[in-house]
Amino acid sequence: MDRKRARYQEMAAEDLIGFDELRARVAKLQETRAIAERELCSLQHRWEQIQQFEQDKQTLLEHYANLLPDALDGLDAATRHWVYKMLRVEAAISRAARWK
């Protein structure tokens, strides 16, 4: 936009466009720049929010992962089975491992 503005000013200096047209073109450029800056600011804010959500998610997952082993120790077998099912945890035991 700065280059366009400079070109418009050069055109006016060379009498290729009048000052009224220069003012109109520069005003349009300023309007376009203001819109672009607002959109860029909005996108940057959204990106920061997404990054904060990702960090919050990771912190929450770590918190629950640290709580789970202690909490599971106090549960009876049926409740522990229900928790594993809810978490979609599956155990796979091979024949070789079973006989050791």
C-alpha atoms as a PDB file:
ATOM      1  CA  MET A   1       0.000   0.000   0.000  1.00  0.00           C
ATOM      2  CA  ASP A   2       2.925   2.293   0.693  1.00  0.00           C
ATOM      3  CA  ARG A   3       4.238   1.658  -2.813  1.00  0.00           C
ATOM      4  CA  LYS A   4       0.819   2.379  -4.332  1.00  0.00           C
ATOM      5  CA  ARG A   5       0.599   5.593  -2.361  1.00  0.00           C
ATOM      6  CA  ALA A   6       4.054   6.628  -3.581  1.00  0.00           C
ATOM      7  CA  ARG A   7       3.085   5.829  -7.186  1.00  0.00           C
ATOM      8  CA  TYR A   8      -0.098   7.868  -6.855  1.00  0.00           C
ATOM      9  CA  GLN A   9       1.933  10.772  -5.499  1.00  0.00           C
ATOM     10  CA  GLU A  10       4.378  10.460  -8.398  1.00  0.00           C
ATOM     11  CA  MET A  11       1.457  10.446 -10.826  1.00  0.00           C
ATOM     12  CA  ALA A  12       0.111  13.608  -9.223  1.00  0.00           C
ATOM     13  CA  ALA A  13       3.547  15.233  -9.325  1.00  0.00           C
ATOM     14  CA  GLU A  14       3.747  14.467 -13.041  1.00  0.00           C
ATOM     15  CA  ASP A  15       0.193  15.841 -13.552  1.00  0.00           C
ATOM     16  CA  LEU A  16      -1.080  12.408 -14.657  1.00  0.00           C
ATOM     17  CA  ILE A  17      -3.857  12.624 -12.040  1.00  0.00           C
ATOM     18  CA  GLY A  18      -5.319  15.582 -10.244  1.00  0.00           C
ATOM     19  CA  PHE A  19      -5.070  16.231  -6.505  1.00  0.00           C
ATOM     20  CA  ASP A  20      -8.751  15.447  -6.001  1.00  0.00           C
ATOM     21  CA  GLU A  21      -8.242  12.025  -7.558  1.00  0.00           C
ATOM     22  CA  LEU A  22      -5.046  11.583  -5.520  1.00  0.00           C
ATOM     23  CA  ARG A  23      -6.943  12.346  -2.299  1.00  0.00           C
ATOM     24  CA  ALA A  24      -9.669   9.870  -3.239  1.00  0.00           C
ATOM     25  CA  ARG A  25      -7.185   7.118  -4.080  1.00  0.00           C
ATOM     26  CA  VAL A  26      -5.146   7.726  -0.923  1.00  0.00           C
ATOM     27  CA  ALA A  27      -8.321   7.715   1.189  1.00  0.00           C
ATOM     28  CA  LYS A  28      -9.313   4.385  -0.361  1.00  0.00           C
ATOM     29  CA  LEU A  29      -5.838   2.993   0.393  1.00  0.00           C
ATOM     30  CA  GLN A  30      -6.057   4.167   4.011  1.00  0.00           C
ATOM     31  CA  GLU A  31      -9.455   2.514   4.357  1.00  0.00           C
ATOM     32  CA  THR A  32      -8.116  -0.742   2.910  1.00  0.00           C
ATOM     33  CA  ARG A  33      -5.090  -0.598   5.241  1.00  0.00           C
ATOM     34  CA  ALA A  34      -7.301  -0.018   8.294  1.00  0.00           C
ATOM     35  CA  ILE A  35      -9.456  -3.025   7.385  1.00  0.00           C
ATOM     36  CA  ALA A  36      -6.385  -5.216   6.812  1.00  0.00           C
ATOM     37  CA  GLU A  37      -4.852  -4.159  10.137  1.00  0.00           C
ATOM     38  CA  ARG A  38      -8.096  -4.915  12.011  1.00  0.00           C
ATOM     39  CA  GLU A  39      -8.362  -8.337  10.372  1.00  0.00           C
ATOM     40  CA  LEU A  40      -4.722  -9.090  11.127  1.00  0.00           C
ATOM     41  CA  CYS A  41      -5.226  -8.098  14.763  1.00  0.00           C
ATOM     42  CA  SER A  42      -8.322 -10.288  14.958  1.00  0.00           C
ATOM     43  CA  LEU A  43      -6.484 -13.262  13.462  1.00  0.00           C
ATOM     44  CA  GLN A  44      -3.577 -12.778  15.844  1.00  0.00           C
ATOM     45  CA  HIS A  45      -5.976 -12.706  18.797  1.00  0.00           C
ATOM     46  CA  ARG A  46      -7.670 -15.904  17.588  1.00  0.00           C
ATOM     47  CA  TRP A  47      -4.290 -17.592  17.154  1.00  0.00           C
ATOM     48  CA  GLU A  48      -3.313 -16.647  20.716  1.00  0.00           C
ATOM     49  CA  GLN A  49      -6.616 -18.049  21.996  1.00  0.00           C
ATOM     50  CA  ILE A  50      -6.066 -21.325  20.131  1.00  0.00           C
ATOM     51  CA  GLN A  51      -2.573 -21.636  21.558  1.00  0.00           C
ATOM     52  CA  GLN A  52      -3.904 -20.948  25.070  1.00  0.00           C
ATOM     53  CA  PHE A  53      -6.612 -23.606  24.595  1.00  0.00           C
ATOM     54  CA  GLU A  54      -3.967 -26.091  23.472  1.00  0.00           C
ATOM     55  CA  GLN A  55      -1.843 -25.306  26.536  1.00  0.00           C
ATOM     56  CA  ASP A  56      -4.880 -25.592  28.824  1.00  0.00           C
ATOM     57  CA  LYS A  57      -5.775 -28.930  27.236  1.00  0.00           C
ATOM     58  CA  GLN A  58      -2.269 -30.262  27.767  1.00  0.00           C
ATOM     59  CA  THR A  59      -2.198 -29.065  31.382  1.00  0.00           C
ATOM     60  CA  LEU A  60      -5.578 -30.650  32.079  1.00  0.00           C
ATOM     61  CA  LEU A  61      -4.561 -33.959  30.506  1.00  0.00           C
ATOM     62  CA  GLU A  62      -1.353 -34.038  32.544  1.00  0.00           C
ATOM     63  CA  HIS A  63      -3.295 -33.259  35.713  1.00  0.00           C
ATOM     64  CA  TYR A  64      -5.749 -36.110  35.169  1.00  0.00           C
ATOM     65  CA  ALA A  65      -3.000 -38.474  34.082  1.00  0.00           C
ATOM     66  CA  ASN A  66      -1.229 -37.824  37.381  1.00  0.00           C
ATOM     67  CA  LEU A  67      -4.432 -38.350  39.380  1.00  0.00           C
ATOM     68  CA  LEU A  68      -5.501 -41.539  37.654  1.00  0.00           C
ATOM     69  CA  PRO A  69      -2.981 -44.053  39.076  1.00  0.00           C
ATOM     70  CA  ASP A  70      -3.703 -43.032  42.685  1.00  0.00           C
ATOM     71  CA  ALA A  71      -7.437 -42.980  42.085  1.00  0.00           C
ATOM     72  CA  LEU A  72      -7.442 -46.408  40.429  1.00  0.00           C
ATOM     73  CA  ASP A  73      -5.707 -48.018  43.403  1.00  0.00           C
ATOM     74  CA  GLY A  74      -8.697 -47.245  45.608  1.00  0.00           C
ATOM     75  CA  LEU A  75     -11.317 -48.672  43.241  1.00  0.00           C
ATOM     76  CA  ASP A  76     -12.798 -52.138  43.272  1.00  0.00           C
ATOM     77  CA  ALA A  77     -12.303 -54.334  40.192  1.00  0.00           C
ATOM     78  CA  ALA A  78     -15.734 -53.615  38.655  1.00  0.00           C
ATOM     79  CA  THR A  79     -15.343 -49.846  38.959  1.00  0.00           C
ATOM     80  CA  ARG A  80     -11.764 -49.997  37.660  1.00  0.00           C
ATOM     81  CA  HIS A  81     -13.057 -52.034  34.695  1.00  0.00           C
ATOM     82  CA  TRP A  82     -15.732 -49.380  34.060  1.00  0.00           C
ATOM     83  CA  VAL A  83     -13.081 -46.601  34.126  1.00  0.00           C
ATOM     84  CA  TYR A  84     -10.861 -48.509  31.702  1.00  0.00           C
ATOM     85  CA  LYS A  85     -13.846 -49.101  29.416  1.00  0.00           C
ATOM     86  CA  MET A  86     -14.793 -45.421  29.554  1.00  0.00           C
ATOM     87  CA  LEU A  87     -11.205 -44.465  28.699  1.00  0.00           C
ATOM     88  CA  ARG A  88     -11.160 -47.131  25.973  1.00  0.00           C
ATOM     89  CA  VAL A  89      -8.115 -48.795  27.502  1.00  0.00           C
ATOM     90  CA  GLU A  90      -7.552 -52.322  26.306  1.00  0.00           C
ATOM     91  CA  ALA A  91      -5.074 -54.901  27.491  1.00  0.00           C
ATOM     92  CA  ALA A  92      -3.509 -57.287  25.017  1.00  0.00           C
ATOM     93  CA  ILE A  93      -1.786 -60.331  26.453  1.00  0.00           C
ATOM     94  CA  SER A  94       0.117 -62.689  24.202  1.00  0.00           C
ATOM     95  CA  ARG A  95       0.409 -66.392  24.922  1.00  0.00           C
ATOM     96  CA  ALA A  96       4.140 -66.119  25.489  1.00  0.00           C
ATOM     97  CA  ALA A  97       3.681 -63.376  28.075  1.00  0.00           C
ATOM     98  CA  ARG A  98       0.923 -65.260  29.876  1.00  0.00           C
ATOM     99  CA  TRP A  99       3.098 -68.314  30.606  1.00  0.00           C
ATOM    100  CA  LYS A 100       6.143 -66.480  31.927  1.00  0.00           C
END
